[in-house]
Amino acid sequence: MRTATITRNTSETQITVSINLDGTGKAQFDTGIPFLEHMLDQIARHGLIDLNITCKGDTHIDDHHSVEDIGITLGQALKAALGDKLGIRRYGYAYVPLDESLSRVVLDLSGRPGLEYHIDFSRARIGQFDVDLFSEFFHGLVNHAMMTLHIDNLRGSNAHHQAETVFKAFGRALRMAIEHDERMAGKMPSTKGTLTE
């Protein structure tokens, strides 16, 4: 089983992430940020990844530090669980609709961090959640998972639907990328010979 547990403590947040890439989509969260937990659940369920995330953060100020640092710690856990990446598909993509909204996510577990993030949210907040923080989450994730990630919300007028299609598509694209390819068994899916740097 490809698993990892990462704990990251700063003066702003105390976070533990446990991940099982060969799971069934079970998820447990205690972050104090309900809408983020709803989105993280999409990653777990659609990626068939088991996730357990706890965060104690300075949410009395705002959610910024907690959301960004959860992205960082999840990225670190994903990188650790993937190990040397031998035999994986490496690339993943998904289109996901929800009513009027449609999002596309394409990723490469390349060992090189990069984010192209294109979401024009229809409003600034979903309930109490500031949608600007999704960008911070994904920046933290890609920089520490060492992946290239392209996120495009192609259309949508309901901000909740826009966010949900992005996270569902990310989960499905990640599921594809981390799968073992029988034809690549024991092989590195890179002419460079490594996907870790």
N, C-alpha and C. Protein backbone atom coordinates (compact mmCIF):
# COMPACT_ATOMS: atom_id res chain seq x y z
N MET A 1 0.84 -1.19 0.00
CA MET A 1 0.00 0.00 0.00
C MET A 1 0.88 1.24 0.00
N ARG A 2 0.52 2.22 -0.85
CA ARG A 2 1.28 3.47 -0.92
C ARG A 2 0.64 4.46 0.06
N THR A 3 1.27 4.58 1.20
CA THR A 3 0.71 5.39 2.28
C THR A 3 1.77 6.35 2.81
N ALA A 4 1.29 7.40 3.47
CA ALA A 4 2.19 8.34 4.14
C ALA A 4 1.41 9.12 5.18
N THR A 5 2.09 9.52 6.22
CA THR A 5 1.55 10.44 7.22
C THR A 5 2.56 11.56 7.43
N ILE A 6 2.10 12.78 7.25
CA ILE A 6 2.96 13.95 7.40
C ILE A 6 2.34 14.89 8.43
N THR A 7 3.15 15.34 9.37
CA THR A 7 2.75 16.35 10.34
C THR A 7 3.58 17.60 10.10
N ARG A 8 2.90 18.73 10.03
CA ARG A 8 3.57 20.02 9.79
C ARG A 8 3.07 21.02 10.82
N ASN A 9 3.97 21.51 11.65
CA ASN A 9 3.61 22.44 12.71
C ASN A 9 4.32 23.78 12.49
N THR A 10 3.55 24.85 12.50
CA THR A 10 4.10 26.20 12.46
C THR A 10 3.42 27.02 13.56
N SER A 11 3.80 28.27 13.66
CA SER A 11 3.15 29.13 14.65
C SER A 11 1.72 29.46 14.26
N GLU A 12 1.36 29.19 12.99
CA GLU A 12 0.01 29.50 12.50
C GLU A 12 -0.90 28.28 12.41
N THR A 13 -0.33 27.11 12.12
CA THR A 13 -1.14 25.90 11.93
C THR A 13 -0.42 24.67 12.45
N GLN A 14 -1.21 23.70 12.89
CA GLN A 14 -0.71 22.37 13.25
C GLN A 14 -1.55 21.38 12.46
N ILE A 15 -0.90 20.69 11.52
CA ILE A 15 -1.63 19.87 10.55
C ILE A 15 -1.04 18.48 10.49
N THR A 16 -1.91 17.47 10.41
CA THR A 16 -1.50 16.10 10.11
C THR A 16 -2.35 15.58 8.96
N VAL A 17 -1.68 15.03 7.95
CA VAL A 17 -2.34 14.43 6.80
C VAL A 17 -1.89 12.98 6.69
N SER A 18 -2.85 12.06 6.64
CA SER A 18 -2.57 10.67 6.34
C SER A 18 -3.25 10.33 5.03
N ILE A 19 -2.52 9.64 4.14
CA ILE A 19 -3.04 9.35 2.81
C ILE A 19 -2.74 7.90 2.44
N ASN A 20 -3.69 7.28 1.76
CA ASN A 20 -3.51 5.94 1.21
C ASN A 20 -3.95 6.01 -0.25
N LEU A 21 -2.98 5.95 -1.15
CA LEU A 21 -3.28 6.10 -2.57
C LEU A 21 -4.02 4.90 -3.14
N ASP A 22 -3.99 3.78 -2.44
CA ASP A 22 -4.65 2.57 -2.90
C ASP A 22 -5.88 2.27 -2.05
N GLY A 23 -6.57 3.32 -1.69
CA GLY A 23 -7.72 3.20 -0.80
C GLY A 23 -9.03 3.01 -1.53
N THR A 24 -10.10 3.36 -0.84
CA THR A 24 -11.45 3.18 -1.38
C THR A 24 -12.26 4.47 -1.37
N GLY A 25 -11.61 5.57 -1.00
CA GLY A 25 -12.31 6.86 -0.97
C GLY A 25 -12.82 7.26 0.40
N LYS A 26 -12.33 6.59 1.45
CA LYS A 26 -12.75 6.95 2.81
C LYS A 26 -12.06 8.25 3.22
N ALA A 27 -12.81 9.10 3.91
CA ALA A 27 -12.27 10.40 4.29
C ALA A 27 -12.73 10.79 5.68
N GLN A 28 -11.83 11.45 6.41
CA GLN A 28 -12.16 11.99 7.73
C GLN A 28 -11.42 13.31 7.88
N PHE A 29 -12.16 14.36 8.25
CA PHE A 29 -11.57 15.69 8.32
C PHE A 29 -11.95 16.39 9.62
N ASP A 30 -11.02 17.14 10.14
CA ASP A 30 -11.27 18.02 11.29
C ASP A 30 -10.40 19.25 11.10
N THR A 31 -10.91 20.21 10.32
CA THR A 31 -10.12 21.38 9.98
C THR A 31 -10.75 22.68 10.45
N GLY A 32 -12.01 22.65 10.80
CA GLY A 32 -12.71 23.88 11.17
C GLY A 32 -13.16 24.70 9.98
N ILE A 33 -13.01 24.15 8.76
CA ILE A 33 -13.40 24.87 7.55
C ILE A 33 -14.33 23.96 6.74
N PRO A 34 -15.63 24.00 7.01
CA PRO A 34 -16.56 23.01 6.43
C PRO A 34 -16.56 22.94 4.91
N PHE A 35 -16.52 24.08 4.21
CA PHE A 35 -16.60 24.00 2.76
C PHE A 35 -15.33 23.39 2.17
N LEU A 36 -14.17 23.69 2.74
CA LEU A 36 -12.94 23.04 2.28
C LEU A 36 -13.03 21.54 2.49
N GLU A 37 -13.57 21.11 3.63
CA GLU A 37 -13.74 19.68 3.88
C GLU A 37 -14.64 19.03 2.83
N HIS A 38 -15.69 19.73 2.43
CA HIS A 38 -16.57 19.23 1.37
C HIS A 38 -15.80 19.03 0.07
N MET A 39 -14.88 19.95 -0.24
CA MET A 39 -14.07 19.83 -1.46
C MET A 39 -13.02 18.72 -1.33
N LEU A 40 -12.38 18.62 -0.16
CA LEU A 40 -11.41 17.56 0.05
C LEU A 40 -12.06 16.18 -0.06
N ASP A 41 -13.31 16.10 0.36
CA ASP A 41 -14.05 14.84 0.24
C ASP A 41 -14.22 14.44 -1.22
N GLN A 42 -14.34 15.42 -2.11
CA GLN A 42 -14.44 15.11 -3.54
C GLN A 42 -13.15 14.46 -4.05
N ILE A 43 -12.00 14.97 -3.59
CA ILE A 43 -10.73 14.37 -3.98
C ILE A 43 -10.67 12.92 -3.54
N ALA A 44 -11.03 12.67 -2.29
CA ALA A 44 -10.96 11.30 -1.76
C ALA A 44 -11.91 10.38 -2.50
N ARG A 45 -13.17 10.77 -2.63
CA ARG A 45 -14.17 9.88 -3.22
C ARG A 45 -13.94 9.63 -4.70
N HIS A 46 -13.59 10.68 -5.44
CA HIS A 46 -13.42 10.51 -6.88
C HIS A 46 -12.02 10.02 -7.24
N GLY A 47 -11.07 10.20 -6.33
CA GLY A 47 -9.74 9.67 -6.55
C GLY A 47 -9.52 8.30 -5.97
N LEU A 48 -10.52 7.78 -5.23
CA LEU A 48 -10.38 6.50 -4.51
C LEU A 48 -9.12 6.52 -3.64
N ILE A 49 -8.96 7.64 -2.97
CA ILE A 49 -7.84 7.86 -2.06
C ILE A 49 -8.40 8.00 -0.65
N ASP A 50 -7.82 7.30 0.31
CA ASP A 50 -8.22 7.49 1.70
C ASP A 50 -7.46 8.69 2.26
N LEU A 51 -8.19 9.60 2.90
CA LEU A 51 -7.61 10.82 3.43
C LEU A 51 -8.07 11.05 4.86
N ASN A 52 -7.14 11.37 5.72
CA ASN A 52 -7.46 11.81 7.07
C ASN A 52 -6.66 13.09 7.32
N ILE A 53 -7.37 14.19 7.51
CA ILE A 53 -6.70 15.49 7.66
C ILE A 53 -7.23 16.19 8.91
N THR A 54 -6.31 16.58 9.79
CA THR A 54 -6.66 17.40 10.94
C THR A 54 -5.86 18.69 10.87
N CYS A 55 -6.49 19.78 11.26
CA CYS A 55 -5.82 21.08 11.24
C CYS A 55 -6.34 21.93 12.39
N LYS A 56 -5.41 22.44 13.18
CA LYS A 56 -5.72 23.47 14.16
C LYS A 56 -5.01 24.73 13.70
N GLY A 57 -5.78 25.72 13.25
CA GLY A 57 -5.17 26.91 12.68
C GLY A 57 -5.75 28.19 13.25
N ASP A 58 -5.16 29.29 12.84
CA ASP A 58 -5.58 30.60 13.35
C ASP A 58 -6.77 31.14 12.55
N THR A 59 -7.84 30.36 12.54
CA THR A 59 -9.04 30.75 11.80
C THR A 59 -9.77 31.92 12.45
N HIS A 60 -9.37 32.31 13.66
CA HIS A 60 -9.93 33.52 14.26
C HIS A 60 -9.46 34.76 13.49
N ILE A 61 -8.34 34.63 12.77
CA ILE A 61 -7.88 35.72 11.89
C ILE A 61 -8.61 35.60 10.56
N ASP A 62 -8.34 34.52 9.84
CA ASP A 62 -9.13 34.09 8.69
C ASP A 62 -8.67 32.69 8.31
N ASP A 63 -9.18 32.16 7.20
CA ASP A 63 -8.89 30.77 6.84
C ASP A 63 -7.64 30.62 5.99
N HIS A 64 -6.98 31.73 5.65
CA HIS A 64 -5.90 31.70 4.67
C HIS A 64 -4.78 30.73 5.04
N HIS A 65 -4.22 30.87 6.24
CA HIS A 65 -3.09 30.05 6.62
C HIS A 65 -3.46 28.57 6.65
N SER A 66 -4.65 28.26 7.15
CA SER A 66 -5.06 26.87 7.25
C SER A 66 -5.24 26.25 5.86
N VAL A 67 -5.90 26.96 4.95
CA VAL A 67 -6.15 26.40 3.62
C VAL A 67 -4.84 26.21 2.87
N GLU A 68 -3.97 27.21 2.89
CA GLU A 68 -2.69 27.10 2.20
C GLU A 68 -1.84 25.98 2.78
N ASP A 69 -1.78 25.90 4.11
CA ASP A 69 -0.92 24.90 4.75
C ASP A 69 -1.47 23.49 4.61
N ILE A 70 -2.79 23.35 4.51
CA ILE A 70 -3.35 22.03 4.21
C ILE A 70 -2.92 21.60 2.81
N GLY A 71 -2.94 22.53 1.86
CA GLY A 71 -2.45 22.22 0.52
C GLY A 71 -0.99 21.78 0.54
N ILE A 72 -0.16 22.52 1.28
CA ILE A 72 1.26 22.18 1.39
C ILE A 72 1.44 20.77 1.97
N THR A 73 0.76 20.49 3.07
CA THR A 73 0.94 19.21 3.77
C THR A 73 0.37 18.06 2.96
N LEU A 74 -0.75 18.28 2.28
CA LEU A 74 -1.29 17.25 1.39
C LEU A 74 -0.31 16.97 0.26
N GLY A 75 0.30 18.01 -0.29
CA GLY A 75 1.30 17.82 -1.33
C GLY A 75 2.49 17.01 -0.84
N GLN A 76 2.96 17.30 0.37
CA GLN A 76 4.07 16.54 0.94
C GLN A 76 3.70 15.07 1.14
N ALA A 77 2.48 14.83 1.60
CA ALA A 77 2.03 13.45 1.82
C ALA A 77 1.89 12.70 0.50
N LEU A 78 1.36 13.37 -0.51
CA LEU A 78 1.21 12.75 -1.82
C LEU A 78 2.58 12.38 -2.39
N LYS A 79 3.54 13.28 -2.31
CA LYS A 79 4.89 13.01 -2.80
C LYS A 79 5.51 11.82 -2.07
N ALA A 80 5.36 11.79 -0.76
CA ALA A 80 5.94 10.70 0.03
C ALA A 80 5.29 9.36 -0.31
N ALA A 81 3.97 9.36 -0.47
CA ALA A 81 3.26 8.11 -0.76
C ALA A 81 3.59 7.58 -2.16
N LEU A 82 3.85 8.46 -3.10
CA LEU A 82 4.17 8.04 -4.47
C LEU A 82 5.55 7.40 -4.57
N GLY A 83 6.46 7.77 -3.70
CA GLY A 83 7.79 7.16 -3.72
C GLY A 83 8.50 7.43 -5.03
N ASP A 84 9.09 6.37 -5.63
CA ASP A 84 9.89 6.55 -6.85
C ASP A 84 9.04 6.64 -8.12
N LYS A 85 7.73 6.39 -8.02
CA LYS A 85 6.79 6.52 -9.13
C LYS A 85 6.97 5.47 -10.23
N LEU A 86 7.70 4.43 -9.94
CA LEU A 86 7.88 3.37 -10.94
C LEU A 86 6.53 2.78 -11.35
N GLY A 87 6.31 2.65 -12.65
CA GLY A 87 5.16 1.94 -13.17
C GLY A 87 3.85 2.69 -13.16
N ILE A 88 3.85 3.96 -12.73
CA ILE A 88 2.58 4.70 -12.73
C ILE A 88 2.30 5.28 -14.12
N ARG A 89 1.05 5.68 -14.33
CA ARG A 89 0.69 6.29 -15.61
C ARG A 89 1.30 7.69 -15.76
N ARG A 90 1.50 8.38 -14.67
CA ARG A 90 2.13 9.71 -14.61
C ARG A 90 1.18 10.83 -14.99
N TYR A 91 0.47 10.71 -16.10
CA TYR A 91 -0.44 11.75 -16.57
C TYR A 91 -1.88 11.39 -16.23
N GLY A 92 -2.68 12.42 -15.96
CA GLY A 92 -4.10 12.20 -15.73
C GLY A 92 -4.91 13.40 -16.17
N TYR A 93 -6.14 13.16 -16.56
CA TYR A 93 -7.02 14.26 -16.96
C TYR A 93 -8.46 13.86 -16.71
N ALA A 94 -9.31 14.86 -16.56
CA ALA A 94 -10.74 14.61 -16.38
C ALA A 94 -11.52 15.86 -16.72
N TYR A 95 -12.68 15.64 -17.34
CA TYR A 95 -13.71 16.66 -17.51
C TYR A 95 -14.87 16.26 -16.60
N VAL A 96 -15.36 17.20 -15.81
CA VAL A 96 -16.48 16.91 -14.92
C VAL A 96 -17.52 18.01 -15.02
N PRO A 97 -18.78 17.63 -15.30
CA PRO A 97 -19.87 18.61 -15.31
C PRO A 97 -20.67 18.54 -14.01
N LEU A 98 -21.30 19.61 -13.67
CA LEU A 98 -22.33 19.64 -12.64
C LEU A 98 -23.33 20.71 -13.05
N ASP A 99 -24.48 20.27 -13.53
CA ASP A 99 -25.48 21.19 -14.06
C ASP A 99 -24.85 22.12 -15.10
N GLU A 100 -24.82 23.42 -14.84
CA GLU A 100 -24.34 24.38 -15.85
C GLU A 100 -22.82 24.50 -15.88
N SER A 101 -22.15 23.91 -14.90
CA SER A 101 -20.70 24.10 -14.77
C SER A 101 -19.94 22.92 -15.37
N LEU A 102 -18.78 23.22 -15.96
CA LEU A 102 -17.91 22.20 -16.55
C LEU A 102 -16.47 22.58 -16.30
N SER A 103 -15.69 21.65 -15.76
CA SER A 103 -14.28 21.91 -15.48
C SER A 103 -13.41 20.82 -16.07
N ARG A 104 -12.19 21.23 -16.43
CA ARG A 104 -11.18 20.31 -16.96
C ARG A 104 -9.93 20.43 -16.09
N VAL A 105 -9.40 19.28 -15.69
CA VAL A 105 -8.14 19.25 -14.94
C VAL A 105 -7.21 18.27 -15.63
N VAL A 106 -5.98 18.72 -15.88
CA VAL A 106 -4.94 17.89 -16.49
C VAL A 106 -3.70 18.00 -15.61
N LEU A 107 -3.07 16.86 -15.30
CA LEU A 107 -1.90 16.91 -14.44
C LEU A 107 -0.82 15.94 -14.89
N ASP A 108 0.39 16.25 -14.46
CA ASP A 108 1.59 15.47 -14.75
C ASP A 108 2.39 15.36 -13.46
N LEU A 109 2.60 14.14 -13.00
CA LEU A 109 3.42 13.92 -11.80
C LEU A 109 4.89 13.96 -12.22
N SER A 110 5.30 15.12 -12.66
CA SER A 110 6.53 15.32 -13.41
C SER A 110 7.77 15.50 -12.55
N GLY A 111 7.59 15.82 -11.27
CA GLY A 111 8.71 16.23 -10.45
C GLY A 111 9.02 17.71 -10.59
N ARG A 112 8.22 18.42 -11.41
CA ARG A 112 8.40 19.85 -11.60
C ARG A 112 7.11 20.56 -11.22
N PRO A 113 7.17 21.47 -10.25
CA PRO A 113 5.94 22.17 -9.84
C PRO A 113 5.54 23.25 -10.83
N GLY A 114 4.26 23.29 -11.15
CA GLY A 114 3.73 24.33 -12.00
C GLY A 114 2.21 24.33 -11.96
N LEU A 115 1.62 25.50 -11.88
CA LEU A 115 0.16 25.61 -11.81
C LEU A 115 -0.34 26.62 -12.83
N GLU A 116 -1.28 26.18 -13.66
CA GLU A 116 -2.08 27.07 -14.50
C GLU A 116 -3.50 26.98 -13.96
N TYR A 117 -3.98 28.08 -13.44
CA TYR A 117 -5.24 28.09 -12.68
C TYR A 117 -6.16 29.14 -13.29
N HIS A 118 -7.27 28.69 -13.88
CA HIS A 118 -8.16 29.59 -14.59
C HIS A 118 -9.62 29.33 -14.18
N ILE A 119 -10.04 30.04 -13.15
CA ILE A 119 -11.41 29.95 -12.66
C ILE A 119 -11.92 31.37 -12.43
N ASP A 120 -12.95 31.74 -13.15
CA ASP A 120 -13.59 33.03 -12.96
C ASP A 120 -14.86 32.81 -12.14
N PHE A 121 -14.70 32.79 -10.83
CA PHE A 121 -15.83 32.50 -9.96
C PHE A 121 -16.92 33.55 -10.10
N SER A 122 -18.15 33.10 -10.02
CA SER A 122 -19.29 34.00 -10.19
C SER A 122 -19.53 34.87 -8.97
N ARG A 123 -18.95 34.52 -7.85
CA ARG A 123 -19.04 35.38 -6.67
C ARG A 123 -17.81 35.13 -5.79
N ALA A 124 -17.57 36.03 -4.85
CA ALA A 124 -16.34 36.02 -4.07
C ALA A 124 -16.37 35.04 -2.90
N ARG A 125 -17.56 34.69 -2.46
CA ARG A 125 -17.67 33.79 -1.32
C ARG A 125 -18.71 32.72 -1.59
N ILE A 126 -18.42 31.53 -1.07
CA ILE A 126 -19.39 30.44 -1.05
C ILE A 126 -19.72 30.23 0.42
N GLY A 127 -20.86 30.70 0.85
CA GLY A 127 -21.13 30.77 2.28
C GLY A 127 -20.12 31.72 2.91
N GLN A 128 -19.36 31.22 3.88
CA GLN A 128 -18.33 32.02 4.53
C GLN A 128 -16.95 31.83 3.91
N PHE A 129 -16.85 30.96 2.89
CA PHE A 129 -15.54 30.60 2.34
C PHE A 129 -15.13 31.57 1.23
N ASP A 130 -13.92 32.11 1.33
CA ASP A 130 -13.36 33.03 0.34
C ASP A 130 -12.77 32.21 -0.81
N VAL A 131 -13.34 32.35 -2.02
CA VAL A 131 -12.92 31.50 -3.14
C VAL A 131 -11.48 31.78 -3.56
N ASP A 132 -10.90 32.94 -3.21
CA ASP A 132 -9.49 33.21 -3.53
C ASP A 132 -8.57 32.16 -2.90
N LEU A 133 -9.03 31.54 -1.83
CA LEU A 133 -8.18 30.59 -1.10
C LEU A 133 -7.97 29.29 -1.86
N PHE A 134 -8.83 28.98 -2.84
CA PHE A 134 -8.60 27.77 -3.63
C PHE A 134 -7.29 27.86 -4.40
N SER A 135 -6.96 29.04 -4.91
CA SER A 135 -5.69 29.22 -5.59
C SER A 135 -4.53 28.97 -4.64
N GLU A 136 -4.63 29.45 -3.41
CA GLU A 136 -3.57 29.23 -2.42
C GLU A 136 -3.43 27.75 -2.11
N PHE A 137 -4.56 27.05 -2.00
CA PHE A 137 -4.52 25.61 -1.74
C PHE A 137 -3.77 24.88 -2.85
N PHE A 138 -4.13 25.15 -4.11
CA PHE A 138 -3.51 24.42 -5.21
C PHE A 138 -2.05 24.82 -5.42
N HIS A 139 -1.70 26.08 -5.16
CA HIS A 139 -0.29 26.46 -5.22
C HIS A 139 0.52 25.67 -4.20
N GLY A 140 0.04 25.60 -2.98
CA GLY A 140 0.74 24.83 -1.95
C GLY A 140 0.86 23.37 -2.33
N LEU A 141 -0.20 22.82 -2.88
CA LEU A 141 -0.23 21.40 -3.26
C LEU A 141 0.80 21.10 -4.35
N VAL A 142 0.78 21.87 -5.45
CA VAL A 142 1.67 21.53 -6.57
C VAL A 142 3.13 21.78 -6.20
N ASN A 143 3.41 22.80 -5.41
CA ASN A 143 4.79 23.10 -5.06
C ASN A 143 5.43 22.02 -4.20
N HIS A 144 4.61 21.28 -3.46
CA HIS A 144 5.16 20.27 -2.55
C HIS A 144 4.91 18.84 -3.03
N ALA A 145 3.92 18.64 -3.89
CA ALA A 145 3.75 17.33 -4.53
C ALA A 145 4.66 17.22 -5.74
N MET A 146 5.20 18.36 -6.20
CA MET A 146 6.07 18.40 -7.38
C MET A 146 5.33 17.90 -8.61
N MET A 147 4.18 18.52 -8.88
CA MET A 147 3.38 18.16 -10.04
C MET A 147 3.11 19.39 -10.89
N THR A 148 2.83 19.16 -12.16
CA THR A 148 2.33 20.20 -13.04
C THR A 148 0.82 20.03 -13.12
N LEU A 149 0.07 21.12 -12.93
CA LEU A 149 -1.38 21.04 -12.83
C LEU A 149 -2.02 22.17 -13.61
N HIS A 150 -2.92 21.80 -14.50
CA HIS A 150 -3.70 22.77 -15.27
C HIS A 150 -5.17 22.63 -14.86
N ILE A 151 -5.74 23.72 -14.38
CA ILE A 151 -7.13 23.75 -13.94
C ILE A 151 -7.87 24.79 -14.76
N ASP A 152 -8.95 24.38 -15.43
CA ASP A 152 -9.77 25.30 -16.21
C ASP A 152 -11.24 25.04 -15.92
N ASN A 153 -11.90 26.05 -15.36
CA ASN A 153 -13.36 26.00 -15.31
C ASN A 153 -13.86 26.56 -16.64
N LEU A 154 -14.39 25.70 -17.47
CA LEU A 154 -14.75 26.07 -18.84
C LEU A 154 -16.02 26.89 -18.91
N ARG A 155 -16.94 26.61 -17.98
CA ARG A 155 -18.15 27.43 -17.89
C ARG A 155 -18.80 27.17 -16.54
N GLY A 156 -19.65 28.10 -16.13
CA GLY A 156 -20.35 27.95 -14.87
C GLY A 156 -20.81 29.29 -14.34
N SER A 157 -21.98 29.30 -13.74
CA SER A 157 -22.52 30.52 -13.16
C SER A 157 -22.82 30.37 -11.67
N ASN A 158 -22.72 29.16 -11.15
CA ASN A 158 -22.93 28.89 -9.73
C ASN A 158 -21.57 28.56 -9.12
N ALA A 159 -21.09 29.40 -8.20
CA ALA A 159 -19.75 29.25 -7.65
C ALA A 159 -19.55 27.91 -6.96
N HIS A 160 -20.58 27.42 -6.27
CA HIS A 160 -20.47 26.10 -5.62
C HIS A 160 -20.24 25.02 -6.67
N HIS A 161 -20.99 25.07 -7.76
CA HIS A 161 -20.82 24.09 -8.83
C HIS A 161 -19.44 24.22 -9.47
N GLN A 162 -18.98 25.44 -9.67
CA GLN A 162 -17.65 25.65 -10.26
C GLN A 162 -16.58 24.97 -9.40
N ALA A 163 -16.61 25.24 -8.10
CA ALA A 163 -15.61 24.65 -7.21
C ALA A 163 -15.72 23.13 -7.17
N GLU A 164 -16.94 22.64 -7.09
CA GLU A 164 -17.12 21.20 -6.96
C GLU A 164 -16.64 20.45 -8.21
N THR A 165 -16.91 21.01 -9.40
CA THR A 165 -16.43 20.34 -10.61
C THR A 165 -14.91 20.33 -10.66
N VAL A 166 -14.26 21.38 -10.19
CA VAL A 166 -12.80 21.42 -10.17
C VAL A 166 -12.24 20.34 -9.26
N PHE A 167 -12.77 20.22 -8.06
CA PHE A 167 -12.22 19.25 -7.12
C PHE A 167 -12.55 17.82 -7.52
N LYS A 168 -13.72 17.60 -8.08
CA LYS A 168 -14.04 16.26 -8.59
C LYS A 168 -13.11 15.89 -9.75
N ALA A 169 -12.90 16.84 -10.66
CA ALA A 169 -12.02 16.58 -11.79
C ALA A 169 -10.59 16.35 -11.33
N PHE A 170 -10.14 17.10 -10.32
CA PHE A 170 -8.80 16.88 -9.79
C PHE A 170 -8.68 15.47 -9.22
N GLY A 171 -9.66 15.04 -8.45
CA GLY A 171 -9.63 13.70 -7.88
C GLY A 171 -9.56 12.63 -8.96
N ARG A 172 -10.35 12.79 -10.02
CA ARG A 172 -10.36 11.79 -11.10
C ARG A 172 -9.07 11.82 -11.91
N ALA A 173 -8.53 13.01 -12.16
CA ALA A 173 -7.27 13.09 -12.88
C ALA A 173 -6.13 12.49 -12.07
N LEU A 174 -6.13 12.75 -10.77
CA LEU A 174 -5.10 12.20 -9.90
C LEU A 174 -5.20 10.67 -9.85
N ARG A 175 -6.42 10.17 -9.76
CA ARG A 175 -6.64 8.72 -9.77
C ARG A 175 -6.03 8.08 -11.02
N MET A 176 -6.22 8.70 -12.18
CA MET A 176 -5.66 8.17 -13.41
C MET A 176 -4.13 8.21 -13.37
N ALA A 177 -3.57 9.31 -12.90
CA ALA A 177 -2.11 9.48 -12.94
C ALA A 177 -1.37 8.54 -12.00
N ILE A 178 -1.97 8.22 -10.85
CA ILE A 178 -1.27 7.38 -9.87
C ILE A 178 -1.48 5.89 -10.10
N GLU A 179 -2.38 5.54 -11.03
CA GLU A 179 -2.64 4.13 -11.31
C GLU A 179 -1.39 3.46 -11.87
N HIS A 180 -1.22 2.19 -11.51
CA HIS A 180 -0.15 1.40 -12.10
C HIS A 180 -0.57 0.93 -13.48
N ASP A 181 0.32 1.07 -14.43
CA ASP A 181 0.12 0.62 -15.81
C ASP A 181 0.87 -0.70 -15.96
N GLU A 182 0.13 -1.79 -16.22
CA GLU A 182 0.76 -3.11 -16.31
C GLU A 182 1.88 -3.14 -17.34
N ARG A 183 1.73 -2.39 -18.40
CA ARG A 183 2.75 -2.39 -19.44
C ARG A 183 4.01 -1.62 -19.03
N MET A 184 3.87 -0.82 -17.96
CA MET A 184 5.00 -0.05 -17.45
C MET A 184 5.57 -0.65 -16.17
N ALA A 185 5.19 -1.87 -15.83
CA ALA A 185 5.59 -2.48 -14.56
C ALA A 185 7.10 -2.41 -14.37
N GLY A 186 7.51 -1.80 -13.27
CA GLY A 186 8.92 -1.70 -12.94
C GLY A 186 9.69 -0.69 -13.76
N LYS A 187 8.99 0.06 -14.62
CA LYS A 187 9.68 1.02 -15.49
C LYS A 187 9.38 2.45 -15.03
N MET A 188 10.29 3.32 -15.34
CA MET A 188 10.12 4.74 -15.03
C MET A 188 9.48 5.43 -16.23
N PRO A 189 8.31 6.06 -16.06
CA PRO A 189 7.65 6.70 -17.20
C PRO A 189 8.27 8.06 -17.54
N SER A 190 9.57 8.02 -17.81
CA SER A 190 10.31 9.24 -18.15
C SER A 190 11.59 8.87 -18.87
N THR A 191 11.91 9.57 -19.95
CA THR A 191 13.18 9.34 -20.64
C THR A 191 14.35 9.84 -19.82
N LYS A 192 14.07 10.71 -18.84
CA LYS A 192 15.10 11.27 -17.99
C LYS A 192 15.57 10.26 -16.95
N GLY A 193 14.71 9.27 -16.67
CA GLY A 193 15.06 8.25 -15.69
C GLY A 193 14.65 8.54 -14.28
N THR A 194 14.03 9.70 -14.05
CA THR A 194 13.55 10.04 -12.71
C THR A 194 12.38 11.00 -12.82
N LEU A 195 11.49 10.93 -11.84
CA LEU A 195 10.38 11.89 -11.74
C LEU A 195 10.38 12.55 -10.37
N THR A 196 11.53 12.54 -9.73
CA THR A 196 11.58 13.09 -8.38
C THR A 196 12.35 14.40 -8.32
N GLU A 197 12.89 14.87 -9.43
CA GLU A 197 13.59 16.16 -9.41
C GLU A 197 13.60 16.77 -10.80
